[in-house]
């Protein structure tokens, strides 16, 4: 190697430096994306260490889903201002992806915690427990609504959850008010809800109060959930306690954790007061 080429990398050396195969560098050269700084009369190719930065930018832009054709167009017509504009745009895209991944991480962590907790429970037991205050996001009222209105409300509720990043992995539950519980109209929900962790500006939340609750579990298809509600009402009468404002029901094991709806488990919490 001549003295003039000692500061340059062969294709193999540069490929190793960049942690890619030589074929990648050949392809980039063929499409005019990144060519060796020196090509001699014998066909040998040599890259300078300065080109490592160019290669890194190409790989960075690929990572943020910029096609090679667009990268080439940018590199062939680049100016400092255009570089700043491009990288600022990509920076915003990356922040959005990070936020999305953080949201996914929250959902995964919540699902793990809820499922692990469900495995510790005795589904045959009805008990009285003190429950902590919880922040809930509610749907519009669905009390006494038609099937068509119900589906419309559910769609709007779920759409709002996702657009405002309120879904952090908790299931969608349903609230039944005291009057409907007394009438044994257990499927006539007042609201749908999901739990959330933090208050969000310009969004109204409902606080499920801290206090005494009857806690029960319905195993199986929720079409038969009235049987469990009737057992709860017997429990309330036996212990001479008074119904509170709402019951709250939500799946703790569903189709993502068990096979067949006969194995689904719904947790039912009923607000009560001591007489």
Protein backbone atom coordinates (compact mmCIF):
# COMPACT_ATOMS: atom_id res chain seq x y z
CA UNK A 1 0.00 0.00 0.00
CA UNK A 2 1.37 3.41 -0.91
CA UNK A 3 2.07 5.98 1.77
CA UNK A 4 -0.87 8.05 0.50
CA UNK A 5 -3.34 5.22 1.22
CA UNK A 6 -2.22 4.38 4.75
CA UNK A 7 -4.93 6.60 6.25
CA UNK A 8 -7.70 4.91 4.26
CA UNK A 9 -9.71 1.76 4.89
CA UNK A 10 -10.18 -1.03 2.38
CA UNK A 11 -13.78 -2.07 1.73
CA UNK A 12 -13.40 -5.01 4.11
CA UNK A 13 -11.87 -2.87 6.84
CA UNK A 14 -14.52 -0.18 6.48
CA UNK A 15 -17.30 -2.78 6.49
CA UNK A 16 -15.90 -4.21 9.73
CA UNK A 17 -15.67 -0.72 11.21
CA UNK A 18 -19.32 -0.07 10.30
CA UNK A 19 -20.41 -3.54 11.43
CA UNK A 20 -21.96 -4.43 8.05
CA UNK A 21 -21.19 -6.83 5.23
CA UNK A 22 -19.11 -5.65 2.27
CA UNK A 23 -22.18 -6.23 0.07
CA UNK A 24 -23.93 -3.37 1.88
CA UNK A 25 -21.13 -0.98 0.91
CA UNK A 26 -21.14 -2.30 -2.68
CA UNK A 27 -24.91 -1.68 -2.83
CA UNK A 28 -24.58 1.86 -1.45
CA UNK A 29 -21.91 2.55 -4.08
CA UNK A 30 -24.05 1.13 -6.89
CA UNK A 31 -27.01 3.36 -6.06
CA UNK A 32 -24.83 6.43 -5.50
CA UNK A 33 -25.57 6.70 -1.80
CA UNK A 34 -22.07 6.29 -0.38
CA UNK A 35 -19.09 5.73 -2.64
CA UNK A 36 -15.45 5.11 -1.68
CA UNK A 37 -13.41 8.28 -1.50
CA UNK A 38 -10.76 6.64 -3.69
CA UNK A 39 -11.11 4.13 -6.52
CA UNK A 40 -7.76 3.41 -8.19
CA UNK A 41 -7.01 2.09 -11.67
CA UNK A 42 -6.83 -1.47 -10.36
CA UNK A 43 -10.41 -1.29 -9.04
CA UNK A 44 -9.49 -1.12 -5.38
CA UNK A 45 -11.79 0.97 -3.17
CA UNK A 46 -10.75 3.02 -0.18
CA UNK A 47 -12.84 4.84 2.44
CA UNK A 48 -11.71 7.64 4.73
CA UNK A 49 -12.55 7.82 8.42
CA UNK A 50 -14.62 10.94 7.64
CA UNK A 51 -17.05 8.71 5.74
CA UNK A 52 -17.86 6.81 8.92
CA UNK A 53 -19.95 9.82 10.02
CA UNK A 54 -21.79 9.78 6.68
CA UNK A 55 -22.45 6.06 7.06
CA UNK A 56 -23.78 6.64 10.58
CA UNK A 57 -26.21 9.30 9.37
CA UNK A 58 -27.43 6.97 6.62
CA UNK A 59 -28.06 4.20 9.17
CA UNK A 60 -29.70 6.65 11.57
CA UNK A 61 -32.11 7.83 8.88
CA UNK A 62 -32.85 4.21 7.93
CA UNK A 63 -33.69 3.51 11.58
CA UNK A 64 -36.36 6.21 11.48
CA UNK A 65 -37.88 4.65 8.34
CA UNK A 66 -36.48 7.04 5.74
CA UNK A 67 -36.16 5.20 2.38
CA UNK A 68 -32.73 4.97 0.75
CA UNK A 69 -33.99 6.97 -2.24
CA UNK A 70 -34.94 9.87 0.03
CA UNK A 71 -31.64 9.64 1.91
CA UNK A 72 -29.76 9.78 -1.39
CA UNK A 73 -31.81 12.76 -2.57
CA UNK A 74 -31.04 14.58 0.67
CA UNK A 75 -27.30 13.80 0.57
CA UNK A 76 -27.05 14.92 -3.06
CA UNK A 77 -28.75 18.25 -2.34
CA UNK A 78 -27.79 18.91 1.25
CA UNK A 79 -27.24 22.24 2.94
CA UNK A 80 -26.69 22.96 6.65
CA UNK A 81 -30.20 24.42 6.94
CA UNK A 82 -31.75 21.37 5.29
CA UNK A 83 -29.82 19.08 7.63
CA UNK A 84 -31.14 20.97 10.65
CA UNK A 85 -34.71 20.84 9.33
CA UNK A 86 -34.47 17.14 8.52
CA UNK A 87 -32.98 16.15 11.87
CA UNK A 88 -35.47 18.28 13.83
CA UNK A 89 -38.29 16.50 12.01
CA UNK A 90 -36.77 13.10 12.73
CA UNK A 91 -36.24 14.11 16.36
CA UNK A 92 -39.98 14.76 16.72
CA UNK A 93 -40.75 11.39 15.13
CA UNK A 94 -38.40 9.66 17.58
CA UNK A 95 -40.02 11.41 20.56
CA UNK A 96 -43.43 10.20 19.38
CA UNK A 97 -42.09 6.65 19.05
CA UNK A 98 -40.55 6.83 22.52
CA UNK A 99 -43.84 8.06 23.98
CA UNK A 100 -45.65 5.24 22.20
CA UNK A 101 -43.18 2.65 23.50
CA UNK A 102 -43.48 4.07 27.02
CA UNK A 103 -47.26 3.73 26.74
CA UNK A 104 -46.89 0.13 25.57
CA UNK A 105 -44.51 -0.56 28.47
CA UNK A 106 -47.09 0.78 30.94
CA UNK A 107 -49.77 -1.45 29.44
CA UNK A 108 -47.55 -4.53 29.59
CA UNK A 109 -46.51 -3.84 33.20
CA UNK A 110 -50.14 -3.32 34.24
CA UNK A 111 -51.28 -6.54 32.52
CA UNK A 112 -48.52 -8.49 34.27
CA UNK A 113 -49.42 -7.07 37.70
CA UNK A 114 -53.16 -7.63 37.25
CA UNK A 115 -52.74 -11.22 36.07
CA UNK A 116 -50.26 -12.09 38.82
CA UNK A 117 -52.68 -10.67 41.39
CA UNK A 118 -55.62 -12.60 39.90
CA UNK A 119 -53.77 -15.88 40.39
CA UNK A 120 -53.60 -15.24 44.15
CA UNK A 121 -57.38 -14.81 44.58
CA UNK A 122 -60.03 -17.23 45.82
CA UNK A 123 -62.79 -16.92 43.23
CA UNK A 124 -65.29 -18.77 45.42
CA UNK A 125 -65.13 -16.27 48.23
CA UNK A 126 -67.37 -13.27 48.89
CA UNK A 127 -65.84 -10.81 51.34
CA UNK A 128 -66.01 -7.34 52.81
CA UNK A 129 -62.94 -5.24 52.10
CA UNK A 130 -61.77 -1.66 52.42
CA UNK A 131 -60.90 -0.43 48.93
CA UNK A 132 -58.68 2.56 48.24
CA UNK A 133 -59.77 5.60 46.25
CA UNK A 134 -59.31 5.19 42.48
CA UNK A 135 -59.43 7.61 39.58
CA UNK A 136 -61.74 6.46 36.78
CA UNK A 137 -62.44 7.79 33.33
CA UNK A 138 -66.13 7.31 32.51
CA UNK A 139 -68.05 6.96 29.28
CA UNK A 140 -71.14 9.03 28.58
CA UNK A 141 -74.21 7.75 30.41
CA UNK A 142 -75.48 4.48 28.91
CA UNK A 143 -78.32 3.99 31.39
CA UNK A 144 -81.48 2.64 29.72
CA UNK A 145 -79.94 3.17 26.26
CA UNK A 146 -80.76 1.18 23.14
CA UNK A 147 -78.41 -1.44 21.72
CA UNK A 148 -77.49 0.96 18.92
CA UNK A 149 -76.73 3.80 21.34
CA UNK A 150 -74.74 1.42 23.53
CA UNK A 151 -72.47 0.38 20.66
CA UNK A 152 -72.02 4.01 19.63
CA UNK A 153 -71.07 5.00 23.19
CA UNK A 154 -68.61 2.11 23.50
CA UNK A 155 -66.95 3.06 20.20
CA UNK A 156 -66.68 6.71 21.22
CA UNK A 157 -65.32 5.75 24.66
CA UNK A 158 -62.60 3.47 23.29
CA UNK A 159 -61.65 5.95 20.57
CA UNK A 160 -61.28 8.70 23.17
CA UNK A 161 -59.14 6.45 25.39
CA UNK A 162 -56.62 5.78 22.64
CA UNK A 163 -56.50 9.30 21.24
CA UNK A 164 -55.80 10.73 24.69
CA UNK A 165 -53.44 7.92 25.77
CA UNK A 166 -55.61 7.05 28.76
CA UNK A 167 -55.31 3.31 28.20
CA UNK A 168 -52.57 2.05 30.52
CA UNK A 169 -53.58 -1.60 30.54
CA UNK A 170 -56.56 -1.67 32.85
CA UNK A 171 -59.68 -3.44 31.57
CA UNK A 172 -62.83 -1.62 30.58
CA UNK A 173 -65.37 -2.09 33.34
CA UNK A 174 -69.03 -1.28 33.88
CA UNK A 175 -70.92 0.48 36.67
CA UNK A 176 -74.44 -0.45 37.81
CA UNK A 177 -76.31 2.01 40.03
CA UNK A 178 -78.14 1.21 43.25
CA UNK A 179 -81.62 1.38 41.73
CA UNK A 180 -80.79 -1.16 39.01
CA UNK A 181 -79.17 -3.46 41.58
CA UNK A 182 -82.35 -3.34 43.65
CA UNK A 183 -84.41 -4.10 40.53
CA UNK A 184 -82.08 -7.00 39.62
CA UNK A 185 -81.46 -5.25 36.29
CA UNK A 186 -77.75 -6.07 36.42
CA UNK A 187 -77.05 -5.60 32.71
CA UNK A 188 -78.37 -2.03 32.69
CA UNK A 189 -75.09 -0.17 33.12
CA UNK A 190 -74.83 3.48 34.06
CA UNK A 191 -71.31 3.96 32.68
CA UNK A 192 -68.32 2.17 31.28
CA UNK A 193 -65.02 3.02 32.94
CA UNK A 194 -61.32 2.38 32.98
CA UNK A 195 -58.81 3.12 35.70
CA UNK A 196 -56.16 5.73 35.09
CA UNK A 197 -53.18 6.95 37.08
CA UNK A 198 -52.98 10.69 36.67
CA UNK A 199 -55.27 13.61 36.10
CA UNK A 200 -55.21 15.06 32.59
CA UNK A 201 -56.06 18.67 31.78
CA UNK A 202 -59.49 19.35 30.27
CA UNK A 203 -60.71 15.80 30.94
CA UNK A 204 -63.23 15.07 33.70
CA UNK A 205 -62.62 12.01 35.86
CA UNK A 206 -64.70 10.23 38.47
CA UNK A 207 -63.25 9.27 41.83
CA UNK A 208 -64.35 5.86 43.07
CA UNK A 209 -64.50 6.51 46.80
CA UNK A 210 -62.39 4.84 49.42
CA UNK A 211 -64.57 2.71 51.65
CA UNK A 212 -66.24 -0.59 52.35
CA UNK A 213 -67.03 -2.89 49.41
CA UNK A 214 -68.42 -6.36 48.92
CA UNK A 215 -65.91 -8.20 46.72
CA UNK A 216 -66.96 -11.21 44.66
CA UNK A 217 -65.91 -13.07 41.53
CA UNK A 218 -67.99 -14.46 38.70
CA UNK A 219 -66.39 -17.36 36.84
CA UNK A 220 -67.69 -18.02 33.34
CA UNK A 221 -69.76 -16.28 30.71
CA UNK A 222 -71.06 -12.91 31.87
CA UNK A 223 -74.50 -13.82 30.51
CA UNK A 224 -74.92 -15.70 33.79
CA UNK A 225 -73.53 -12.95 35.98
CA UNK A 226 -76.94 -12.38 37.60
CA UNK A 227 -76.38 -15.56 39.65
CA UNK A 228 -73.31 -14.01 41.27
CA UNK A 229 -75.10 -10.71 41.86
CA UNK A 230 -77.89 -12.57 43.64
CA UNK A 231 -75.32 -14.23 45.89
CA UNK A 232 -73.89 -10.79 46.62
CA UNK A 233 -77.33 -9.44 47.55
CA UNK A 234 -77.85 -12.39 49.92
CA UNK A 235 -74.47 -11.62 51.48
CA UNK A 236 -75.48 -7.97 51.96
CA UNK A 237 -78.77 -8.95 53.62
CA UNK A 238 -77.03 -11.49 55.86
CA UNK A 239 -74.48 -8.96 57.09
CA UNK A 240 -77.10 -6.22 57.48
CA UNK A 241 -75.24 -3.66 55.42
CA UNK A 242 -76.63 -1.02 53.08
CA UNK A 243 -76.08 -0.72 49.33
CA UNK A 244 -73.94 2.21 48.23
CA UNK A 245 -74.12 4.13 44.97
CA UNK A 246 -72.64 1.68 42.43
CA UNK A 247 -71.23 -1.72 41.69
CA UNK A 248 -68.09 -1.97 39.56
CA UNK A 249 -67.44 -5.03 37.42
CA UNK A 250 -64.43 -5.83 35.26
CA UNK A 251 -62.63 -8.83 33.84
CA UNK A 252 -59.51 -9.90 35.70
CA UNK A 253 -59.00 -12.97 33.48
CA UNK A 254 -60.25 -12.86 29.90
CA UNK A 255 -59.44 -14.13 26.42
CA UNK A 256 -55.85 -12.87 26.49
CA UNK A 257 -55.05 -14.95 29.59
CA UNK A 258 -57.40 -17.98 29.50
CA UNK A 259 -58.98 -20.16 26.83
CA UNK A 260 -62.77 -20.24 26.52
CA UNK A 261 -65.25 -17.83 28.10
CA UNK A 262 -66.19 -20.49 30.66
CA UNK A 263 -62.85 -19.65 32.29
CA UNK A 264 -63.26 -15.86 32.25
CA UNK A 265 -63.28 -14.24 35.69
CA UNK A 266 -65.13 -11.00 36.45
CA UNK A 267 -64.42 -9.11 39.65
CA UNK A 268 -67.46 -7.38 41.14
CA UNK A 269 -67.09 -4.62 43.73
CA UNK A 270 -70.27 -3.30 45.36
CA UNK A 271 -70.19 -0.12 47.42
CA UNK A 272 -71.79 -0.69 50.83
CA UNK A 273 -72.29 1.15 54.10
CA UNK A 274 -72.59 -0.22 57.60
CA UNK A 275 -76.00 0.43 59.12
